[in-house]
Amino acid sequence: MKQICLLVTTAIVVLSTSPAQTRWQISASGGFLTPSFFGDNSSGYMIGGTLFYEISDSLQLSFSTGYHRWKENLGTGGTTFRTLPLLVGLRLPFQTGWISPYLSGELGVHYIKREYTRKNYELGERGLYKLVSTNPATESATRFAARFSAGVTLAVYNGLDLDVSATYDRIAYEFADSHPLGWVKGSLNLFGIMVGFKYEL
């Protein structure tokens, strides 16, 4: 985590002293997401903000953060997830006039908080597990993540663009599910649709 913060700080300092022909931009957006881990997944929402540094007309450096929240029904009475991403990456816009498609990729971390009902089992007769108690529980973790996006910006006013995108976040994540299988390992996948505005500073 310290290395990521140092990388972001160094990049901002270096870019701030670069020639004036390059430009900073900022965007804010919101939308809905669909998680995919296992079980019965339900949709949630996401908000995000990104600071862009325009290296050239076809390349931008991005610094992104945001907030994701959703619930999942895993047979445990419901699980609530919240994540806070911190990502650094590149966006490749394809300038075609007032409408500009783009692709982007980012790497970083997600701070994850999980609230759920813990179910405690013990081995019963005939080798079968039986439920003996339940209690609320909270788990937190910080995990490596990658985000890939495809979208389009549409010029609305001088320096202001409408930004519509589809996103995919892949988070290296594991947690203790509330059943006899114990730890479940894998990647948490978030699919989202975002709508917002991008403004040239």
C-alpha atoms as a PDB file:
ATOM      1  CA  MET A   1       0.000   0.000   0.000  1.00  0.00           C
ATOM      2  CA  LYS A   2       2.865   2.404   0.841  1.00  0.00           C
ATOM      3  CA  GLN A   3       4.394   1.718  -2.567  1.00  0.00           C
ATOM      4  CA  ILE A   4       1.131   2.620  -4.347  1.00  0.00           C
ATOM      5  CA  CYS A   5       0.774   5.891  -2.400  1.00  0.00           C
ATOM      6  CA  LEU A   6       4.407   6.758  -3.166  1.00  0.00           C
ATOM      7  CA  LEU A   7       3.862   6.010  -6.880  1.00  0.00           C
ATOM      8  CA  VAL A   8       0.757   8.216  -7.029  1.00  0.00           C
ATOM      9  CA  THR A   9       2.466  11.084  -5.175  1.00  0.00           C
ATOM     10  CA  THR A  10       5.577  10.904  -7.357  1.00  0.00           C
ATOM     11  CA  ALA A  11       3.515  10.840 -10.549  1.00  0.00           C
ATOM     12  CA  ILE A  12       1.502  13.904  -9.507  1.00  0.00           C
ATOM     13  CA  VAL A  13       4.642  15.873  -8.603  1.00  0.00           C
ATOM     14  CA  VAL A  14       6.395  14.979 -11.869  1.00  0.00           C
ATOM     15  CA  LEU A  15       3.363  15.680 -14.027  1.00  0.00           C
ATOM     16  CA  SER A  16       2.673  18.984 -12.268  1.00  0.00           C
ATOM     17  CA  THR A  17       6.087  20.245 -13.394  1.00  0.00           C
ATOM     18  CA  SER A  18       5.588  19.121 -17.021  1.00  0.00           C
ATOM     19  CA  PRO A  19       5.027  21.560 -19.905  1.00  0.00           C
ATOM     20  CA  ALA A  20       1.812  23.589 -19.868  1.00  0.00           C
ATOM     21  CA  GLN A  21       0.425  22.141 -23.108  1.00  0.00           C
ATOM     22  CA  THR A  22      -0.786  19.058 -21.224  1.00  0.00           C
ATOM     23  CA  ARG A  23      -4.098  19.248 -19.358  1.00  0.00           C
ATOM     24  CA  TRP A  24      -5.777  17.967 -16.227  1.00  0.00           C
ATOM     25  CA  GLN A  25      -9.368  16.694 -16.290  1.00  0.00           C
ATOM     26  CA  ILE A  26     -11.716  15.413 -13.603  1.00  0.00           C
ATOM     27  CA  SER A  27     -14.789  13.193 -13.789  1.00  0.00           C
ATOM     28  CA  ALA A  28     -17.597  12.134 -11.442  1.00  0.00           C
ATOM     29  CA  SER A  29     -20.070   9.357 -12.176  1.00  0.00           C
ATOM     30  CA  GLY A  30     -22.527   6.899 -10.689  1.00  0.00           C
ATOM     31  CA  GLY A  31     -24.393   3.778 -11.698  1.00  0.00           C
ATOM     32  CA  PHE A  32     -25.334   0.231 -10.817  1.00  0.00           C
ATOM     33  CA  LEU A  33     -23.267  -2.929 -10.487  1.00  0.00           C
ATOM     34  CA  THR A  34     -23.824  -6.670 -10.548  1.00  0.00           C
ATOM     35  CA  PRO A  35     -21.387  -8.754  -8.484  1.00  0.00           C
ATOM     36  CA  SER A  36     -20.402 -12.277  -9.421  1.00  0.00           C
ATOM     37  CA  PHE A  37     -18.798 -14.509  -6.818  1.00  0.00           C
ATOM     38  CA  PHE A  38     -21.127 -17.436  -6.279  1.00  0.00           C
ATOM     39  CA  GLY A  39     -24.631 -18.004  -4.993  1.00  0.00           C
ATOM     40  CA  ASP A  40     -27.605 -15.717  -5.472  1.00  0.00           C
ATOM     41  CA  ASN A  41     -26.140 -12.313  -6.357  1.00  0.00           C
ATOM     42  CA  SER A  42     -28.106  -9.090  -6.233  1.00  0.00           C
ATOM     43  CA  SER A  43     -27.330  -5.724  -7.795  1.00  0.00           C
ATOM     44  CA  GLY A  44     -25.953  -2.738  -5.964  1.00  0.00           C
ATOM     45  CA  TYR A  45     -24.684   0.737  -6.774  1.00  0.00           C
ATOM     46  CA  MET A  46     -21.372   2.468  -7.346  1.00  0.00           C
ATOM     47  CA  ILE A  47     -20.074   6.026  -7.442  1.00  0.00           C
ATOM     48  CA  GLY A  48     -16.664   7.115  -8.638  1.00  0.00           C
ATOM     49  CA  GLY A  49     -14.303   9.974  -9.270  1.00  0.00           C
ATOM     50  CA  THR A  50     -11.238  10.113 -11.516  1.00  0.00           C
ATOM     51  CA  LEU A  51      -8.457  12.628 -12.052  1.00  0.00           C
ATOM     52  CA  PHE A  52      -6.960  12.517 -15.547  1.00  0.00           C
ATOM     53  CA  TYR A  53      -3.644  13.808 -16.845  1.00  0.00           C
ATOM     54  CA  GLU A  54      -3.676  14.205 -20.631  1.00  0.00           C
ATOM     55  CA  ILE A  55      -0.308  13.035 -21.896  1.00  0.00           C
ATOM     56  CA  SER A  56      -1.404  13.327 -25.528  1.00  0.00           C
ATOM     57  CA  ASP A  57      -4.615  13.338 -27.581  1.00  0.00           C
ATOM     58  CA  SER A  58      -4.582   9.530 -27.510  1.00  0.00           C
ATOM     59  CA  LEU A  59      -3.269   8.780 -24.005  1.00  0.00           C
ATOM     60  CA  GLN A  60      -4.355   9.818 -20.493  1.00  0.00           C
ATOM     61  CA  LEU A  61      -3.063   8.847 -17.058  1.00  0.00           C
ATOM     62  CA  SER A  62      -5.842   8.191 -14.517  1.00  0.00           C
ATOM     63  CA  PHE A  63      -6.139   8.212 -10.714  1.00  0.00           C
ATOM     64  CA  SER A  64      -9.460   6.722  -9.569  1.00  0.00           C
ATOM     65  CA  THR A  65     -11.392   6.167  -6.365  1.00  0.00           C
ATOM     66  CA  GLY A  66     -15.036   5.542  -5.486  1.00  0.00           C
ATOM     67  CA  TYR A  67     -17.501   3.574  -3.370  1.00  0.00           C
ATOM     68  CA  HIS A  68     -19.306   0.302  -4.122  1.00  0.00           C
ATOM     69  CA  ARG A  69     -22.101  -1.283  -2.120  1.00  0.00           C
ATOM     70  CA  TRP A  70     -24.220  -4.390  -2.715  1.00  0.00           C
ATOM     71  CA  LYS A  71     -25.897  -7.311  -0.975  1.00  0.00           C
ATOM     72  CA  GLU A  72     -25.685 -11.017  -1.669  1.00  0.00           C
ATOM     73  CA  ASN A  73     -27.923 -13.849  -0.536  1.00  0.00           C
ATOM     74  CA  LEU A  74     -25.593 -16.744   0.188  1.00  0.00           C
ATOM     75  CA  GLY A  75     -27.951 -18.820   2.294  1.00  0.00           C
ATOM     76  CA  THR A  76     -26.742 -16.977   5.392  1.00  0.00           C
ATOM     77  CA  GLY A  77     -29.517 -14.436   5.814  1.00  0.00           C
ATOM     78  CA  GLY A  78     -27.808 -11.865   3.570  1.00  0.00           C
ATOM     79  CA  THR A  79     -24.324 -10.403   3.234  1.00  0.00           C
ATOM     80  CA  THR A  80     -23.507  -6.711   2.677  1.00  0.00           C
ATOM     81  CA  PHE A  81     -20.311  -5.734   0.871  1.00  0.00           C
ATOM     82  CA  ARG A  82     -18.717  -2.292   0.700  1.00  0.00           C
ATOM     83  CA  THR A  83     -15.510  -1.511  -1.172  1.00  0.00           C
ATOM     84  CA  LEU A  84     -13.369   1.591  -1.651  1.00  0.00           C
ATOM     85  CA  PRO A  85     -11.043   1.349  -4.694  1.00  0.00           C
ATOM     86  CA  LEU A  86      -7.766   3.200  -5.186  1.00  0.00           C
ATOM     87  CA  LEU A  87      -6.517   2.679  -8.758  1.00  0.00           C
ATOM     88  CA  VAL A  88      -3.941   4.052 -11.198  1.00  0.00           C
ATOM     89  CA  GLY A  89      -4.002   3.383 -14.926  1.00  0.00           C
ATOM     90  CA  LEU A  90      -4.249   4.563 -18.519  1.00  0.00           C
ATOM     91  CA  ARG A  91      -7.110   5.620 -20.791  1.00  0.00           C
ATOM     92  CA  LEU A  92      -6.869   5.482 -24.574  1.00  0.00           C
ATOM     93  CA  PRO A  93      -9.410   7.838 -26.195  1.00  0.00           C
ATOM     94  CA  PHE A  94     -10.141   7.683 -29.916  1.00  0.00           C
ATOM     95  CA  GLN A  95     -10.794  11.278 -30.955  1.00  0.00           C
ATOM     96  CA  THR A  96     -13.535  11.438 -33.603  1.00  0.00           C
ATOM     97  CA  GLY A  97     -14.935  14.918 -33.055  1.00  0.00           C
ATOM     98  CA  TRP A  98     -17.732  15.539 -30.562  1.00  0.00           C
ATOM     99  CA  ILE A  99     -17.996  11.823 -29.734  1.00  0.00           C
ATOM    100  CA  SER A 100     -14.954   9.883 -28.508  1.00  0.00           C
ATOM    101  CA  PRO A 101     -14.923   6.157 -27.659  1.00  0.00           C
ATOM    102  CA  TYR A 102     -12.229   4.956 -25.253  1.00  0.00           C
ATOM    103  CA  LEU A 103     -10.676   1.939 -23.542  1.00  0.00           C
ATOM    104  CA  SER A 104      -8.965   1.986 -20.147  1.00  0.00           C
ATOM    105  CA  GLY A 105      -7.140  -0.272 -17.714  1.00  0.00           C
ATOM    106  CA  GLU A 106      -6.202   0.348 -14.077  1.00  0.00           C
ATOM    107  CA  LEU A 107      -4.424  -1.454 -11.241  1.00  0.00           C
ATOM    108  CA  GLY A 108      -4.517  -0.906  -7.493  1.00  0.00           C
ATOM    109  CA  VAL A 109      -6.362  -2.068  -4.406  1.00  0.00           C
ATOM    110  CA  HIS A 110      -9.897  -2.350  -3.029  1.00  0.00           C
ATOM    111  CA  TYR A 111     -10.560  -1.801   0.665  1.00  0.00           C
ATOM    112  CA  ILE A 112     -13.321  -4.314   1.434  1.00  0.00           C
ATOM    113  CA  LYS A 113     -15.770  -4.533   4.329  1.00  0.00           C
ATOM    114  CA  ARG A 114     -18.169  -7.456   4.663  1.00  0.00           C
ATOM    115  CA  GLU A 115     -21.078  -7.637   7.117  1.00  0.00           C
ATOM    116  CA  TYR A 116     -22.938 -10.932   7.461  1.00  0.00           C
ATOM    117  CA  THR A 117     -24.571 -13.422   9.812  1.00  0.00           C
ATOM    118  CA  ARG A 118     -22.092 -16.061  10.937  1.00  0.00           C
ATOM    119  CA  LYS A 119     -23.552 -19.548  11.255  1.00  0.00           C
ATOM    120  CA  ASN A 120     -21.722 -21.954  13.536  1.00  0.00           C
ATOM    121  CA  TYR A 121     -21.885 -25.680  12.832  1.00  0.00           C
ATOM    122  CA  GLU A 122     -20.761 -28.821  14.585  1.00  0.00           C
ATOM    123  CA  LEU A 123     -20.444 -32.379  13.421  1.00  0.00           C
ATOM    124  CA  GLY A 124     -23.547 -34.345  14.350  1.00  0.00           C
ATOM    125  CA  GLU A 125     -24.802 -37.844  13.916  1.00  0.00           C
ATOM    126  CA  ARG A 126     -23.987 -39.844  10.793  1.00  0.00           C
ATOM    127  CA  GLY A 127     -21.231 -37.391   9.916  1.00  0.00           C
ATOM    128  CA  LEU A 128     -23.661 -34.554   9.117  1.00  0.00           C
ATOM    129  CA  TYR A 129     -23.144 -30.961  10.195  1.00  0.00           C
ATOM    130  CA  LYS A 130     -25.845 -29.218  12.191  1.00  0.00           C
ATOM    131  CA  LEU A 131     -26.394 -25.539  12.968  1.00  0.00           C
ATOM    132  CA  VAL A 132     -25.786 -24.713  16.635  1.00  0.00           C
ATOM    133  CA  SER A 133     -25.753 -20.878  16.762  1.00  0.00           C
ATOM    134  CA  THR A 134     -25.697 -17.641  14.743  1.00  0.00           C
ATOM    135  CA  ASN A 135     -24.169 -14.236  15.374  1.00  0.00           C
ATOM    136  CA  PRO A 136     -23.510 -11.028  13.360  1.00  0.00           C
ATOM    137  CA  ALA A 137     -19.949 -10.620  12.096  1.00  0.00           C
ATOM    138  CA  THR A 138     -17.799  -8.105  10.210  1.00  0.00           C
ATOM    139  CA  GLU A 139     -14.662  -8.706   8.162  1.00  0.00           C
ATOM    140  CA  SER A 140     -12.298  -6.236   6.497  1.00  0.00           C
ATOM    141  CA  ALA A 141      -9.536  -6.735   3.957  1.00  0.00           C
ATOM    142  CA  THR A 142      -7.368  -4.902   1.431  1.00  0.00           C
ATOM    143  CA  ARG A 143      -6.871  -6.764  -1.832  1.00  0.00           C
ATOM    144  CA  PHE A 144      -5.154  -6.243  -5.183  1.00  0.00           C
ATOM    145  CA  ALA A 145      -7.541  -5.375  -8.021  1.00  0.00           C
ATOM    146  CA  ALA A 146      -7.685  -4.634 -11.735  1.00  0.00           C
ATOM    147  CA  ARG A 147     -10.309  -2.629 -13.613  1.00  0.00           C
ATOM    148  CA  PHE A 148     -11.076  -2.611 -17.330  1.00  0.00           C
ATOM    149  CA  SER A 149     -13.483  -0.125 -18.917  1.00  0.00           C
ATOM    150  CA  ALA A 150     -14.953   0.720 -22.289  1.00  0.00           C
ATOM    151  CA  GLY A 151     -17.011   3.821 -22.893  1.00  0.00           C
ATOM    152  CA  VAL A 152     -17.719   6.937 -24.834  1.00  0.00           C
ATOM    153  CA  THR A 153     -17.624  10.665 -24.117  1.00  0.00           C
ATOM    154  CA  LEU A 154     -19.946  13.151 -25.818  1.00  0.00           C
ATOM    155  CA  ALA A 155     -19.157  16.854 -25.912  1.00  0.00           C
ATOM    156  CA  VAL A 156     -21.887  18.811 -24.098  1.00  0.00           C
ATOM    157  CA  TYR A 157     -20.338  22.236 -23.603  1.00  0.00           C
ATOM    158  CA  ASN A 158     -16.920  23.863 -23.796  1.00  0.00           C
ATOM    159  CA  GLY A 159     -14.700  21.603 -21.664  1.00  0.00           C
ATOM    160  CA  LEU A 160     -17.633  19.499 -20.389  1.00  0.00           C
ATOM    161  CA  ASP A 161     -18.345  15.955 -21.643  1.00  0.00           C
ATOM    162  CA  LEU A 162     -20.981  13.359 -20.875  1.00  0.00           C
ATOM    163  CA  ASP A 163     -19.214  10.095 -19.965  1.00  0.00           C
ATOM    164  CA  VAL A 164     -20.943   6.680 -20.321  1.00  0.00           C
ATOM    165  CA  SER A 165     -19.026   3.476 -19.619  1.00  0.00           C
ATOM    166  CA  ALA A 166     -19.154  -0.232 -18.830  1.00  0.00           C
ATOM    167  CA  THR A 167     -16.693  -1.412 -16.174  1.00  0.00           C
ATOM    168  CA  TYR A 168     -15.287  -4.708 -14.943  1.00  0.00           C
ATOM    169  CA  ASP A 169     -13.447  -4.968 -11.625  1.00  0.00           C
ATOM    170  CA  ARG A 170     -11.606  -8.160 -10.706  1.00  0.00           C
ATOM    171  CA  ILE A 171     -10.587  -8.354  -7.044  1.00  0.00           C
ATOM    172  CA  ALA A 172      -8.326 -11.058  -5.592  1.00  0.00           C
ATOM    173  CA  TYR A 173     -10.445 -11.908  -2.560  1.00  0.00           C
ATOM    174  CA  GLU A 174     -11.187 -14.667  -0.078  1.00  0.00           C
ATOM    175  CA  PHE A 175     -13.514 -14.830   2.900  1.00  0.00           C
ATOM    176  CA  ALA A 176     -14.870 -17.283   5.458  1.00  0.00           C
ATOM    177  CA  ASP A 177     -18.299 -18.274   4.233  1.00  0.00           C
ATOM    178  CA  SER A 178     -20.852 -19.295   6.834  1.00  0.00           C
ATOM    179  CA  HIS A 179     -21.054 -22.996   6.098  1.00  0.00           C
ATOM    180  CA  PRO A 180     -18.983 -26.100   6.925  1.00  0.00           C
ATOM    181  CA  LEU A 181     -16.751 -25.658   3.883  1.00  0.00           C
ATOM    182  CA  GLY A 182     -14.927 -22.843   5.693  1.00  0.00           C
ATOM    183  CA  TRP A 183     -12.704 -20.571   3.579  1.00  0.00           C
ATOM    184  CA  VAL A 184     -13.804 -19.881   0.027  1.00  0.00           C
ATOM    185  CA  LYS A 185     -11.081 -18.516  -2.262  1.00  0.00           C
ATOM    186  CA  GLY A 186     -11.389 -16.847  -5.634  1.00  0.00           C
ATOM    187  CA  SER A 187     -11.837 -13.561  -7.403  1.00  0.00           C
ATOM    188  CA  LEU A 188     -14.683 -11.160  -6.790  1.00  0.00           C
ATOM    189  CA  ASN A 189     -15.985  -9.791 -10.106  1.00  0.00           C
ATOM    190  CA  LEU A 190     -17.967  -6.556 -10.388  1.00  0.00           C
ATOM    191  CA  PHE A 191     -19.748  -5.576 -13.612  1.00  0.00           C
ATOM    192  CA  GLY A 192     -21.021  -1.996 -13.741  1.00  0.00           C
ATOM    193  CA  ILE A 193     -22.647   0.662 -15.908  1.00  0.00           C
ATOM    194  CA  MET A 194     -21.597   4.237 -15.119  1.00  0.00           C
ATOM    195  CA  VAL A 195     -22.920   7.630 -16.291  1.00  0.00           C
ATOM    196  CA  GLY A 196     -21.324  10.933 -15.356  1.00  0.00           C
ATOM    197  CA  PHE A 197     -19.504  14.046 -16.494  1.00  0.00           C
ATOM    198  CA  LYS A 198     -15.901  14.827 -17.341  1.00  0.00           C
ATOM    199  CA  TYR A 199     -14.614  18.376 -17.012  1.00  0.00           C
ATOM    200  CA  GLU A 200     -11.415  19.945 -18.291  1.00  0.00           C
ATOM    201  CA  LEU A 201      -9.641  21.923 -15.549  1.00  0.00           C
END
